[in-house]
């Protein structure tokens, strides 16, 4: 009878230990699945794929799989006895009694061991004995991983080239739209298998049909055609609205910074085109502020004149093809 009491006690404690192992394993599953989920979400977000539902699937799945694994693995009575002996300071009484009870021994010496073990555990409240292997750091790490997954899931969907071009199509200057349509049409000659779609995309650009353009470009991306490659980085940057907009010549509209460290007053710069005028002497009505004495003009006037000359050069053949992008980017910086 005493032997059965020992076995019942071991089974009761083993159930408690098993429950804690399942909880601890679920926490570890949340950490591992959460880290994997965050990595997969980041990759999907960078690729422009849906990423917000990954955490909802992977993290609970990881916790369930880990808990089930701990349940299947179970806890051996000897492991339970060793834990209680160590945590409650029983000097291996429970381990010894458990081994004898499992072997079916009921002689006088075994009954004495059982009695000593029951007396020892009776003086210890099992509820005060910690049966956990993990510390609070595991729970804290699980919470941090879940917060990380939530932060990655809250990232706004990354817009691809098709969305950015479609969103800015209505405000593109005519020259940029023509260049974009020409790039799409020329790409159709190099890719005859996609020629029809590229021709439709070129027509959509000409008539400012943003919805059709987005649909066609997304269809091309799904077929493995990279919009960035067929359009080119220069045209793509201008078509996607980079640089704050452009005028009819393709030069970005920009304004020079006001003030320029002169207390908010007019900043004057030297302009070589005014040197001839300055050499002829100050004009009548000179106010004595140095405007007519040196070839100095307001910064805004010099900037506007430089932009106008650059636009005229880009329209013609003055600027070589390899430097045209450099000129556009210079005036796009708003110097």
C-alpha atoms as a PDB file:
ATOM      1  CA  UNK A   1       0.000   0.000   0.000  1.00  0.00           C
ATOM      2  CA  UNK A   2       2.812   2.398   0.856  1.00  0.00           C
ATOM      3  CA  UNK A   3       4.445   1.609  -2.484  1.00  0.00           C
ATOM      4  CA  UNK A   4       1.308   2.700  -4.356  1.00  0.00           C
ATOM      5  CA  UNK A   5       1.279   5.964  -2.401  1.00  0.00           C
ATOM      6  CA  UNK A   6       4.799   6.653  -3.660  1.00  0.00           C
ATOM      7  CA  UNK A   7       3.813   5.918  -7.248  1.00  0.00           C
ATOM      8  CA  UNK A   8       0.708   8.138  -7.025  1.00  0.00           C
ATOM      9  CA  UNK A   9       2.811  10.973  -5.645  1.00  0.00           C
ATOM     10  CA  UNK A  10       5.292  10.620  -8.489  1.00  0.00           C
ATOM     11  CA  UNK A  11       2.511  10.617 -11.096  1.00  0.00           C
ATOM     12  CA  UNK A  12       0.947  13.739  -9.578  1.00  0.00           C
ATOM     13  CA  UNK A  13       4.243  15.602  -9.541  1.00  0.00           C
ATOM     14  CA  UNK A  14       5.083  14.377 -13.057  1.00  0.00           C
ATOM     15  CA  UNK A  15       1.872  15.901 -14.408  1.00  0.00           C
ATOM     16  CA  UNK A  16       2.828  19.250 -12.931  1.00  0.00           C
ATOM     17  CA  UNK A  17       6.323  19.015 -14.370  1.00  0.00           C
ATOM     18  CA  UNK A  18       4.953  18.020 -17.770  1.00  0.00           C
ATOM     19  CA  UNK A  19       2.609  21.019 -17.823  1.00  0.00           C
ATOM     20  CA  UNK A  20       5.492  23.362 -17.133  1.00  0.00           C
ATOM     21  CA  UNK A  21       7.640  21.718 -19.805  1.00  0.00           C
ATOM     22  CA  UNK A  22       4.868  22.215 -22.337  1.00  0.00           C
ATOM     23  CA  UNK A  23       4.572  25.902 -21.417  1.00  0.00           C
ATOM     24  CA  UNK A  24       8.336  26.377 -21.590  1.00  0.00           C
ATOM     25  CA  UNK A  25       8.522  24.589 -24.929  1.00  0.00           C
ATOM     26  CA  UNK A  26       5.708  26.757 -26.268  1.00  0.00           C
ATOM     27  CA  UNK A  27       7.679  29.840 -25.245  1.00  0.00           C
ATOM     28  CA  UNK A  28      10.754  28.584 -27.049  1.00  0.00           C
ATOM     29  CA  UNK A  29       8.582  27.796 -30.064  1.00  0.00           C
ATOM     30  CA  UNK A  30       7.280  31.373 -30.054  1.00  0.00           C
ATOM     31  CA  UNK A  31      10.856  32.719 -29.986  1.00  0.00           C
ATOM     32  CA  UNK A  32      12.135  30.523 -32.808  1.00  0.00           C
ATOM     33  CA  UNK A  33       9.031  30.845 -34.966  1.00  0.00           C
ATOM     34  CA  UNK A  34       8.889  34.577 -34.301  1.00  0.00           C
ATOM     35  CA  UNK A  35      12.455  35.138 -35.437  1.00  0.00           C
ATOM     36  CA  UNK A  36      11.828  33.080 -38.553  1.00  0.00           C
ATOM     37  CA  UNK A  37       8.581  34.955 -39.150  1.00  0.00           C
ATOM     38  CA  UNK A  38      10.279  38.342 -38.834  1.00  0.00           C
ATOM     39  CA  UNK A  39      12.944  37.292 -41.336  1.00  0.00           C
ATOM     40  CA  UNK A  40      10.380  35.961 -43.806  1.00  0.00           C
ATOM     41  CA  UNK A  41       8.265  39.090 -43.394  1.00  0.00           C
ATOM     42  CA  UNK A  42      11.261  41.310 -44.116  1.00  0.00           C
ATOM     43  CA  UNK A  43      12.077  39.359 -47.274  1.00  0.00           C
ATOM     44  CA  UNK A  44       8.457  39.446 -48.456  1.00  0.00           C
ATOM     45  CA  UNK A  45       8.203  43.170 -47.714  1.00  0.00           C
ATOM     46  CA  UNK A  46      11.399  43.901 -49.667  1.00  0.00           C
ATOM     47  CA  UNK A  47      10.061  41.871 -52.596  1.00  0.00           C
ATOM     48  CA  UNK A  48       6.703  43.655 -52.494  1.00  0.00           C
ATOM     49  CA  UNK A  49       4.754  40.513 -51.540  1.00  0.00           C
ATOM     50  CA  UNK A  50       2.023  40.345 -48.845  1.00  0.00           C
ATOM     51  CA  UNK A  51       3.708  39.897 -45.483  1.00  0.00           C
ATOM     52  CA  UNK A  52       1.299  40.777 -42.695  1.00  0.00           C
ATOM     53  CA  UNK A  53      -0.356  37.363 -42.311  1.00  0.00           C
ATOM     54  CA  UNK A  54       2.891  35.436 -41.879  1.00  0.00           C
ATOM     55  CA  UNK A  55       3.217  36.106 -38.146  1.00  0.00           C
ATOM     56  CA  UNK A  56      -0.404  35.157 -37.498  1.00  0.00           C
ATOM     57  CA  UNK A  57       0.323  31.732 -38.982  1.00  0.00           C
ATOM     58  CA  UNK A  58       3.911  30.943 -38.001  1.00  0.00           C
ATOM     59  CA  UNK A  59       4.045  32.095 -34.373  1.00  0.00           C
ATOM     60  CA  UNK A  60       0.992  30.154 -33.078  1.00  0.00           C
ATOM     61  CA  UNK A  61       2.045  27.177 -35.184  1.00  0.00           C
ATOM     62  CA  UNK A  62       5.516  27.219 -33.634  1.00  0.00           C
ATOM     63  CA  UNK A  63       4.072  27.383 -30.109  1.00  0.00           C
ATOM     64  CA  UNK A  64       1.633  24.511 -30.765  1.00  0.00           C
ATOM     65  CA  UNK A  65       4.235  22.271 -32.397  1.00  0.00           C
ATOM     66  CA  UNK A  66       6.715  22.834 -29.554  1.00  0.00           C
ATOM     67  CA  UNK A  67       4.088  22.153 -26.873  1.00  0.00           C
ATOM     68  CA  UNK A  68       2.916  18.976 -28.611  1.00  0.00           C
ATOM     69  CA  UNK A  69       6.513  17.822 -28.930  1.00  0.00           C
ATOM     70  CA  UNK A  70       7.009  18.273 -25.179  1.00  0.00           C
ATOM     71  CA  UNK A  71       3.782  16.349 -24.511  1.00  0.00           C
ATOM     72  CA  UNK A  72       4.834  13.470 -26.752  1.00  0.00           C
ATOM     73  CA  UNK A  73       8.291  13.405 -25.249  1.00  0.00           C
ATOM     74  CA  UNK A  74       6.838  13.304 -21.736  1.00  0.00           C
ATOM     75  CA  UNK A  75       8.643  13.370 -18.387  1.00  0.00           C
ATOM     76  CA  UNK A  76      10.185  10.289 -16.811  1.00  0.00           C
ATOM     77  CA  UNK A  77       9.409   9.591 -13.127  1.00  0.00           C
ATOM     78  CA  UNK A  78      13.119   9.511 -12.385  1.00  0.00           C
ATOM     79  CA  UNK A  79      13.515  12.997 -13.852  1.00  0.00           C
ATOM     80  CA  UNK A  80      10.614  14.260 -11.757  1.00  0.00           C
ATOM     81  CA  UNK A  81      12.042  12.712  -8.585  1.00  0.00           C
ATOM     82  CA  UNK A  82      15.468  14.236  -9.235  1.00  0.00           C
ATOM     83  CA  UNK A  83      13.949  17.696  -9.721  1.00  0.00           C
ATOM     84  CA  UNK A  84      11.931  17.556  -6.476  1.00  0.00           C
ATOM     85  CA  UNK A  85      14.885  16.156  -4.541  1.00  0.00           C
ATOM     86  CA  UNK A  86      17.136  18.951  -5.762  1.00  0.00           C
ATOM     87  CA  UNK A  87      14.646  21.793  -5.338  1.00  0.00           C
ATOM     88  CA  UNK A  88      13.152  20.664  -2.009  1.00  0.00           C
ATOM     89  CA  UNK A  89      16.407  19.409  -0.457  1.00  0.00           C
ATOM     90  CA  UNK A  90      15.212  15.831   0.107  1.00  0.00           C
ATOM     91  CA  UNK A  91      18.675  14.273  -0.250  1.00  0.00           C
ATOM     92  CA  UNK A  92      17.550  11.879  -3.020  1.00  0.00           C
ATOM     93  CA  UNK A  93      14.873  10.259  -0.853  1.00  0.00           C
ATOM     94  CA  UNK A  94      12.249  10.598  -3.587  1.00  0.00           C
ATOM     95  CA  UNK A  95      14.603   9.269  -6.267  1.00  0.00           C
ATOM     96  CA  UNK A  96      15.499   6.194  -4.217  1.00  0.00           C
ATOM     97  CA  UNK A  97      11.903   5.484  -3.240  1.00  0.00           C
ATOM     98  CA  UNK A  98      10.738   5.932  -6.804  1.00  0.00           C
ATOM     99  CA  UNK A  99      13.254   3.459  -8.185  1.00  0.00           C
ATOM    100  CA  UNK A 100      12.294   0.870  -5.580  1.00  0.00           C
ATOM    101  CA  UNK A 101       8.568   1.434  -6.158  1.00  0.00           C
ATOM    102  CA  UNK A 102       8.889   1.042  -9.933  1.00  0.00           C
ATOM    103  CA  UNK A 103      10.821  -2.189  -9.468  1.00  0.00           C
ATOM    104  CA  UNK A 104       7.971  -3.594  -7.309  1.00  0.00           C
ATOM    105  CA  UNK A 105      10.066  -4.066  -4.209  1.00  0.00           C
ATOM    106  CA  UNK A 106       7.980  -4.353  -0.996  1.00  0.00           C
ATOM    107  CA  UNK A 107      10.312  -5.873   1.562  1.00  0.00           C
ATOM    108  CA  UNK A 108      10.924  -4.355   4.980  1.00  0.00           C
ATOM    109  CA  UNK A 109      13.847  -2.224   3.831  1.00  0.00           C
ATOM    110  CA  UNK A 110      11.847  -0.843   0.903  1.00  0.00           C
ATOM    111  CA  UNK A 111       8.863  -0.053   3.133  1.00  0.00           C
ATOM    112  CA  UNK A 112      11.214   1.838   5.447  1.00  0.00           C
ATOM    113  CA  UNK A 113      12.487   3.886   2.511  1.00  0.00           C
ATOM    114  CA  UNK A 114       8.910   4.590   1.381  1.00  0.00           C
ATOM    115  CA  UNK A 115       7.947   5.750   4.864  1.00  0.00           C
ATOM    116  CA  UNK A 116      10.944   8.069   5.106  1.00  0.00           C
ATOM    117  CA  UNK A 117      10.166   9.512   1.670  1.00  0.00           C
ATOM    118  CA  UNK A 118       6.474  10.144   2.476  1.00  0.00           C
ATOM    119  CA  UNK A 119       7.413  11.752   5.745  1.00  0.00           C
ATOM    120  CA  UNK A 120       9.949  13.989   3.998  1.00  0.00           C
ATOM    121  CA  UNK A 121       7.595  15.148   1.256  1.00  0.00           C
ATOM    122  CA  UNK A 122       4.824  15.614   3.799  1.00  0.00           C
ATOM    123  CA  UNK A 123       6.867  18.279   5.525  1.00  0.00           C
ATOM    124  CA  UNK A 124       7.371  20.167   2.237  1.00  0.00           C
ATOM    125  CA  UNK A 125       4.558  22.043   0.517  1.00  0.00           C
ATOM    126  CA  UNK A 126       4.834  21.086  -3.137  1.00  0.00           C
ATOM    127  CA  UNK A 127       3.296  24.367  -4.235  1.00  0.00           C
ATOM    128  CA  UNK A 128       6.332  26.231  -2.923  1.00  0.00           C
ATOM    129  CA  UNK A 129       8.799  24.085  -4.860  1.00  0.00           C
ATOM    130  CA  UNK A 130       9.675  25.587  -8.254  1.00  0.00           C
ATOM    131  CA  UNK A 131       9.426  23.012 -11.015  1.00  0.00           C
ATOM    132  CA  UNK A 132      10.403  25.414 -13.825  1.00  0.00           C
ATOM    133  CA  UNK A 133      13.614  25.062 -15.800  1.00  0.00           C
ATOM    134  CA  UNK A 134      13.374  28.377 -17.646  1.00  0.00           C
ATOM    135  CA  UNK A 135      13.601  31.806 -16.075  1.00  0.00           C
ATOM    136  CA  UNK A 136      11.638  34.964 -16.740  1.00  0.00           C
ATOM    137  CA  UNK A 137      14.133  35.839 -19.442  1.00  0.00           C
ATOM    138  CA  UNK A 138      12.470  33.278 -21.711  1.00  0.00           C
ATOM    139  CA  UNK A 139       9.092  34.972 -21.296  1.00  0.00           C
ATOM    140  CA  UNK A 140      10.660  38.381 -21.853  1.00  0.00           C
ATOM    141  CA  UNK A 141      12.401  37.186 -25.006  1.00  0.00           C
ATOM    142  CA  UNK A 142       9.122  35.754 -26.325  1.00  0.00           C
ATOM    143  CA  UNK A 143       7.354  39.074 -25.742  1.00  0.00           C
ATOM    144  CA  UNK A 144      10.140  41.006 -27.495  1.00  0.00           C
ATOM    145  CA  UNK A 145      10.048  38.664 -30.496  1.00  0.00           C
ATOM    146  CA  UNK A 146       6.273  39.048 -30.793  1.00  0.00           C
ATOM    147  CA  UNK A 147       6.672  42.835 -30.666  1.00  0.00           C
ATOM    148  CA  UNK A 148       9.346  42.599 -33.372  1.00  0.00           C
ATOM    149  CA  UNK A 149       7.014  40.599 -35.598  1.00  0.00           C
ATOM    150  CA  UNK A 150       4.232  43.120 -34.985  1.00  0.00           C
ATOM    151  CA  UNK A 151       6.548  46.005 -35.898  1.00  0.00           C
ATOM    152  CA  UNK A 152       7.570  44.334 -39.154  1.00  0.00           C
ATOM    153  CA  UNK A 153       3.939  43.509 -39.922  1.00  0.00           C
ATOM    154  CA  UNK A 154       3.008  47.185 -39.498  1.00  0.00           C
ATOM    155  CA  UNK A 155       5.368  48.248 -42.279  1.00  0.00           C
ATOM    156  CA  UNK A 156       3.328  49.732 -45.126  1.00  0.00           C
ATOM    157  CA  UNK A 157       3.261  47.676 -48.307  1.00  0.00           C
ATOM    158  CA  UNK A 158       6.229  48.542 -50.468  1.00  0.00           C
ATOM    159  CA  UNK A 159       5.177  50.072 -53.745  1.00  0.00           C
ATOM    160  CA  UNK A 160       6.811  48.702 -56.834  1.00  0.00           C
ATOM    161  CA  UNK A 161       7.809  50.567 -59.955  1.00  0.00           C
ATOM    162  CA  UNK A 162       4.381  49.947 -61.516  1.00  0.00           C
ATOM    163  CA  UNK A 163       2.539  51.615 -58.630  1.00  0.00           C
ATOM    164  CA  UNK A 164       4.914  54.578 -58.468  1.00  0.00           C
ATOM    165  CA  UNK A 165       4.749  55.242 -62.194  1.00  0.00           C
ATOM    166  CA  UNK A 166       0.965  54.848 -62.237  1.00  0.00           C
ATOM    167  CA  UNK A 167       0.492  57.208 -59.293  1.00  0.00           C
ATOM    168  CA  UNK A 168       2.617  59.952 -60.873  1.00  0.00           C
ATOM    169  CA  UNK A 169       1.429  59.503 -64.479  1.00  0.00           C
ATOM    170  CA  UNK A 170      -1.230  62.218 -64.323  1.00  0.00           C
ATOM    171  CA  UNK A 171       1.258  64.892 -63.239  1.00  0.00           C
ATOM    172  CA  UNK A 172       4.099  64.048 -65.594  1.00  0.00           C
ATOM    173  CA  UNK A 173       5.181  66.693 -68.121  1.00  0.00           C
ATOM    174  CA  UNK A 174       4.526  65.931 -71.751  1.00  0.00           C
ATOM    175  CA  UNK A 175       8.221  65.470 -72.534  1.00  0.00           C
ATOM    176  CA  UNK A 176       8.642  62.882 -69.778  1.00  0.00           C
ATOM    177  CA  UNK A 177       5.524  61.010 -70.887  1.00  0.00           C
ATOM    178  CA  UNK A 178       6.804  60.893 -74.449  1.00  0.00           C
ATOM    179  CA  UNK A 179      10.147  59.575 -73.267  1.00  0.00           C
ATOM    180  CA  UNK A 180       8.438  56.933 -71.126  1.00  0.00           C
ATOM    181  CA  UNK A 181       6.151  55.858 -73.975  1.00  0.00           C
ATOM    182  CA  UNK A 182       9.119  55.653 -76.312  1.00  0.00           C
ATOM    183  CA  UNK A 183      11.061  53.499 -73.850  1.00  0.00           C
ATOM    184  CA  UNK A 184       8.134  51.086 -73.542  1.00  0.00           C
ATOM    185  CA  UNK A 185       7.636  50.914 -77.293  1.00  0.00           C
ATOM    186  CA  UNK A 186      11.338  50.290 -77.929  1.00  0.00           C
ATOM    187  CA  UNK A 187      11.327  47.551 -75.269  1.00  0.00           C
ATOM    188  CA  UNK A 188       8.574  45.818 -77.219  1.00  0.00           C
ATOM    189  CA  UNK A 189      10.857  45.427 -80.239  1.00  0.00           C
ATOM    190  CA  UNK A 190      13.500  43.714 -78.072  1.00  0.00           C
ATOM    191  CA  UNK A 191      10.921  41.415 -76.432  1.00  0.00           C
ATOM    192  CA  UNK A 192       8.534  40.240 -79.146  1.00  0.00           C
ATOM    193  CA  UNK A 193       6.823  37.815 -76.771  1.00  0.00           C
ATOM    194  CA  UNK A 194       5.705  40.799 -74.673  1.00  0.00           C
ATOM    195  CA  UNK A 195       5.411  43.270 -77.542  1.00  0.00           C
ATOM    196  CA  UNK A 196       1.622  43.537 -77.371  1.00  0.00           C
ATOM    197  CA  UNK A 197       1.595  44.353 -73.659  1.00  0.00           C
ATOM    198  CA  UNK A 198       4.410  46.869 -73.988  1.00  0.00           C
ATOM    199  CA  UNK A 199       2.627  48.571 -76.913  1.00  0.00           C
ATOM    200  CA  UNK A 200      -0.542  48.808 -74.809  1.00  0.00           C
ATOM    201  CA  UNK A 201       1.505  50.254 -71.951  1.00  0.00           C
ATOM    202  CA  UNK A 202       2.950  52.885 -74.291  1.00  0.00           C
ATOM    203  CA  UNK A 203      -0.555  53.851 -75.440  1.00  0.00           C
ATOM    204  CA  UNK A 204      -1.732  54.002 -71.812  1.00  0.00           C
ATOM    205  CA  UNK A 205       1.077  56.458 -71.070  1.00  0.00           C
ATOM    206  CA  UNK A 206       0.113  58.653 -74.015  1.00  0.00           C
ATOM    207  CA  UNK A 207      -3.549  58.876 -72.938  1.00  0.00           C
ATOM    208  CA  UNK A 208      -2.702  59.075 -69.192  1.00  0.00           C
ATOM    209  CA  UNK A 209      -4.560  55.846 -68.341  1.00  0.00           C
ATOM    210  CA  UNK A 210      -2.892  55.124 -64.995  1.00  0.00           C
ATOM    211  CA  UNK A 211      -5.049  52.123 -64.090  1.00  0.00           C
ATOM    212  CA  UNK A 212      -4.354  50.310 -67.345  1.00  0.00           C
ATOM    213  CA  UNK A 213      -0.657  51.142 -67.082  1.00  0.00           C
ATOM    214  CA  UNK A 214      -0.450  49.735 -63.550  1.00  0.00           C
ATOM    215  CA  UNK A 215      -2.253  46.570 -64.598  1.00  0.00           C
ATOM    216  CA  UNK A 216       0.022  45.988 -67.599  1.00  0.00           C
ATOM    217  CA  UNK A 217       3.241  46.686 -65.695  1.00  0.00           C
ATOM    218  CA  UNK A 218       2.199  44.378 -62.851  1.00  0.00           C
ATOM    219  CA  UNK A 219       1.353  41.715 -65.420  1.00  0.00           C
ATOM    220  CA  UNK A 220       4.805  42.117 -66.949  1.00  0.00           C
ATOM    221  CA  UNK A 221       6.449  41.850 -63.519  1.00  0.00           C
ATOM    222  CA  UNK A 222       4.482  38.646 -62.879  1.00  0.00           C
ATOM    223  CA  UNK A 223       5.840  37.254 -66.148  1.00  0.00           C
ATOM    224  CA  UNK A 224       9.402  37.961 -65.068  1.00  0.00           C
ATOM    225  CA  UNK A 225       9.936  41.226 -66.978  1.00  0.00           C
ATOM    226  CA  UNK A 226      11.659  43.804 -64.782  1.00  0.00           C
ATOM    227  CA  UNK A 227      10.197  47.269 -65.316  1.00  0.00           C
ATOM    228  CA  UNK A 228      13.411  48.883 -64.086  1.00  0.00           C
ATOM    229  CA  UNK A 229      15.401  47.180 -66.841  1.00  0.00           C
ATOM    230  CA  UNK A 230      13.088  47.857 -69.762  1.00  0.00           C
ATOM    231  CA  UNK A 231      12.574  51.535 -68.897  1.00  0.00           C
ATOM    232  CA  UNK A 232      16.011  52.404 -67.570  1.00  0.00           C
ATOM    233  CA  UNK A 233      16.927  54.044 -64.250  1.00  0.00           C
ATOM    234  CA  UNK A 234      16.989  57.589 -65.626  1.00  0.00           C
ATOM    235  CA  UNK A 235      13.548  57.486 -67.214  1.00  0.00           C
ATOM    236  CA  UNK A 236      12.171  55.493 -64.293  1.00  0.00           C
ATOM    237  CA  UNK A 237      13.357  58.075 -61.755  1.00  0.00           C
ATOM    238  CA  UNK A 238      11.734  60.893 -63.708  1.00  0.00           C
ATOM    239  CA  UNK A 239       8.550  58.945 -64.437  1.00  0.00           C
ATOM    240  CA  UNK A 240       8.167  57.961 -60.778  1.00  0.00           C
ATOM    241  CA  UNK A 241       8.131  61.617 -59.716  1.00  0.00           C
ATOM    242  CA  UNK A 242      11.688  61.919 -58.401  1.00  0.00           C
ATOM    243  CA  UNK A 243      13.249  65.336 -58.221  1.00  0.00           C
ATOM    244  CA  UNK A 244      10.105  67.308 -57.402  1.00  0.00           C
ATOM    245  CA  UNK A 245       8.648  67.504 -60.914  1.00  0.00           C
ATOM    246  CA  UNK A 246       9.993  68.688 -64.249  1.00  0.00           C
ATOM    247  CA  UNK A 247       9.189  71.302 -66.813  1.00  0.00           C
ATOM    248  CA  UNK A 248       8.496  70.705 -70.482  1.00  0.00           C
ATOM    249  CA  UNK A 249      12.195  70.358 -71.291  1.00  0.00           C
ATOM    250  CA  UNK A 250      12.780  67.646 -68.712  1.00  0.00           C
ATOM    251  CA  UNK A 251      14.795  69.838 -66.313  1.00  0.00           C
ATOM    252  CA  UNK A 252      13.576  69.481 -62.746  1.00  0.00           C
ATOM    253  CA  UNK A 253      11.761  72.456 -61.304  1.00  0.00           C
ATOM    254  CA  UNK A 254      13.631  73.746 -58.283  1.00  0.00           C
ATOM    255  CA  UNK A 255      14.185  76.898 -56.310  1.00  0.00           C
ATOM    256  CA  UNK A 256      17.392  78.181 -54.775  1.00  0.00           C
ATOM    257  CA  UNK A 257      17.479  78.594 -51.043  1.00  0.00           C
ATOM    258  CA  UNK A 258      16.486  82.061 -49.915  1.00  0.00           C
ATOM    259  CA  UNK A 259      18.735  84.164 -47.757  1.00  0.00           C
ATOM    260  CA  UNK A 260      21.984  82.224 -48.197  1.00  0.00           C
ATOM    261  CA  UNK A 261      23.583  83.486 -44.968  1.00  0.00           C
ATOM    262  CA  UNK A 262      23.038  87.174 -45.766  1.00  0.00           C
ATOM    263  CA  UNK A 263      20.510  87.865 -43.021  1.00  0.00           C
ATOM    264  CA  UNK A 264      17.606  87.049 -45.322  1.00  0.00           C
ATOM    265  CA  UNK A 265      18.628  89.724 -47.877  1.00  0.00           C
ATOM    266  CA  UNK A 266      19.384  89.390 -51.581  1.00  0.00           C
ATOM    267  CA  UNK A 267      22.393  87.204 -52.351  1.00  0.00           C
ATOM    268  CA  UNK A 268      24.435  88.414 -55.317  1.00  0.00           C
ATOM    269  CA  UNK A 269      26.714  86.242 -57.399  1.00  0.00           C
ATOM    270  CA  UNK A 270      29.178  86.916 -60.184  1.00  0.00           C
ATOM    271  CA  UNK A 271      27.819  86.236 -63.660  1.00  0.00           C
ATOM    272  CA  UNK A 272      30.259  86.271 -66.605  1.00  0.00           C
ATOM    273  CA  UNK A 273      27.443  87.271 -68.985  1.00  0.00           C
ATOM    274  CA  UNK A 274      27.200  90.580 -67.160  1.00  0.00           C
ATOM    275  CA  UNK A 275      30.921  91.346 -67.415  1.00  0.00           C
ATOM    276  CA  UNK A 276      30.526  93.173 -70.721  1.00  0.00           C
ATOM    277  CA  UNK A 277      27.726  95.324 -69.318  1.00  0.00           C
ATOM    278  CA  UNK A 278      29.745  96.099 -66.226  1.00  0.00           C
ATOM    279  CA  UNK A 279      32.794  97.070 -68.304  1.00  0.00           C
ATOM    280  CA  UNK A 280      30.785  99.776 -70.061  1.00  0.00           C
ATOM    281  CA  UNK A 281      30.219 101.543 -66.771  1.00  0.00           C
ATOM    282  CA  UNK A 282      27.382 101.783 -64.237  1.00  0.00           C
ATOM    283  CA  UNK A 283      23.934 102.353 -65.659  1.00  0.00           C
ATOM    284  CA  UNK A 284      22.019 105.531 -64.994  1.00  0.00           C
ATOM    285  CA  UNK A 285      20.185 105.654 -61.718  1.00  0.00           C
ATOM    286  CA  UNK A 286      22.774 103.626 -59.868  1.00  0.00           C
ATOM    287  CA  UNK A 287      21.829 103.550 -56.189  1.00  0.00           C
ATOM    288  CA  UNK A 288      25.393 103.120 -55.040  1.00  0.00           C
ATOM    289  CA  UNK A 289      24.862  99.599 -53.695  1.00  0.00           C
ATOM    290  CA  UNK A 290      27.451  98.089 -56.018  1.00  0.00           C
ATOM    291  CA  UNK A 291      24.991  96.580 -58.457  1.00  0.00           C
ATOM    292  CA  UNK A 292      26.248  98.616 -61.416  1.00  0.00           C
ATOM    293  CA  UNK A 293      29.916  98.710 -60.395  1.00  0.00           C
ATOM    294  CA  UNK A 294      30.671  94.924 -60.569  1.00  0.00           C
ATOM    295  CA  UNK A 295      29.200  92.108 -62.632  1.00  0.00           C
ATOM    296  CA  UNK A 296      27.014  90.970 -59.713  1.00  0.00           C
ATOM    297  CA  UNK A 297      23.367  89.873 -60.080  1.00  0.00           C
ATOM    298  CA  UNK A 298      20.838  88.414 -57.630  1.00  0.00           C
ATOM    299  CA  UNK A 299      21.266  84.694 -57.069  1.00  0.00           C
ATOM    300  CA  UNK A 300      17.707  83.933 -58.182  1.00  0.00           C
ATOM    301  CA  UNK A 301      18.245  85.690 -61.520  1.00  0.00           C
ATOM    302  CA  UNK A 302      21.510  83.863 -62.168  1.00  0.00           C
ATOM    303  CA  UNK A 303      19.956  80.513 -61.237  1.00  0.00           C
ATOM    304  CA  UNK A 304      16.938  81.071 -63.490  1.00  0.00           C
ATOM    305  CA  UNK A 305      19.190  82.055 -66.369  1.00  0.00           C
ATOM    306  CA  UNK A 306      21.395  79.006 -65.866  1.00  0.00           C
ATOM    307  CA  UNK A 307      18.380  76.703 -65.804  1.00  0.00           C
ATOM    308  CA  UNK A 308      17.044  78.308 -68.953  1.00  0.00           C
ATOM    309  CA  UNK A 309      20.332  77.805 -70.757  1.00  0.00           C
ATOM    310  CA  UNK A 310      20.486  74.174 -69.565  1.00  0.00           C
ATOM    311  CA  UNK A 311      16.943  73.543 -70.795  1.00  0.00           C
ATOM    312  CA  UNK A 312      17.759  74.983 -74.197  1.00  0.00           C
ATOM    313  CA  UNK A 313      20.907  72.870 -74.392  1.00  0.00           C
ATOM    314  CA  UNK A 314      18.995  69.706 -73.478  1.00  0.00           C
ATOM    315  CA  UNK A 315      16.355  70.361 -76.118  1.00  0.00           C
ATOM    316  CA  UNK A 316      19.050  70.679 -78.766  1.00  0.00           C
ATOM    317  CA  UNK A 317      22.120  68.563 -79.348  1.00  0.00           C
ATOM    318  CA  UNK A 318      24.554  70.698 -77.382  1.00  0.00           C
ATOM    319  CA  UNK A 319      24.838  68.333 -74.394  1.00  0.00           C
ATOM    320  CA  UNK A 320      26.246  64.865 -75.216  1.00  0.00           C
ATOM    321  CA  UNK A 321      23.986  61.942 -74.329  1.00  0.00           C
ATOM    322  CA  UNK A 322      26.269  60.679 -71.564  1.00  0.00           C
ATOM    323  CA  UNK A 323      26.069  64.039 -69.753  1.00  0.00           C
ATOM    324  CA  UNK A 324      22.349  64.749 -70.090  1.00  0.00           C
ATOM    325  CA  UNK A 325      21.445  62.914 -66.914  1.00  0.00           C
ATOM    326  CA  UNK A 326      24.183  64.733 -65.004  1.00  0.00           C
ATOM    327  CA  UNK A 327      22.786  68.104 -66.095  1.00  0.00           C
ATOM    328  CA  UNK A 328      19.243  67.152 -65.070  1.00  0.00           C
ATOM    329  CA  UNK A 329      20.384  65.899 -61.661  1.00  0.00           C
ATOM    330  CA  UNK A 330      22.413  69.049 -61.040  1.00  0.00           C
ATOM    331  CA  UNK A 331      19.423  71.328 -61.506  1.00  0.00           C
ATOM    332  CA  UNK A 332      17.211  68.918 -59.595  1.00  0.00           C
ATOM    333  CA  UNK A 333      19.245  69.489 -56.428  1.00  0.00           C
ATOM    334  CA  UNK A 334      18.074  73.079 -56.021  1.00  0.00           C
ATOM    335  CA  UNK A 335      21.515  74.502 -55.493  1.00  0.00           C
END
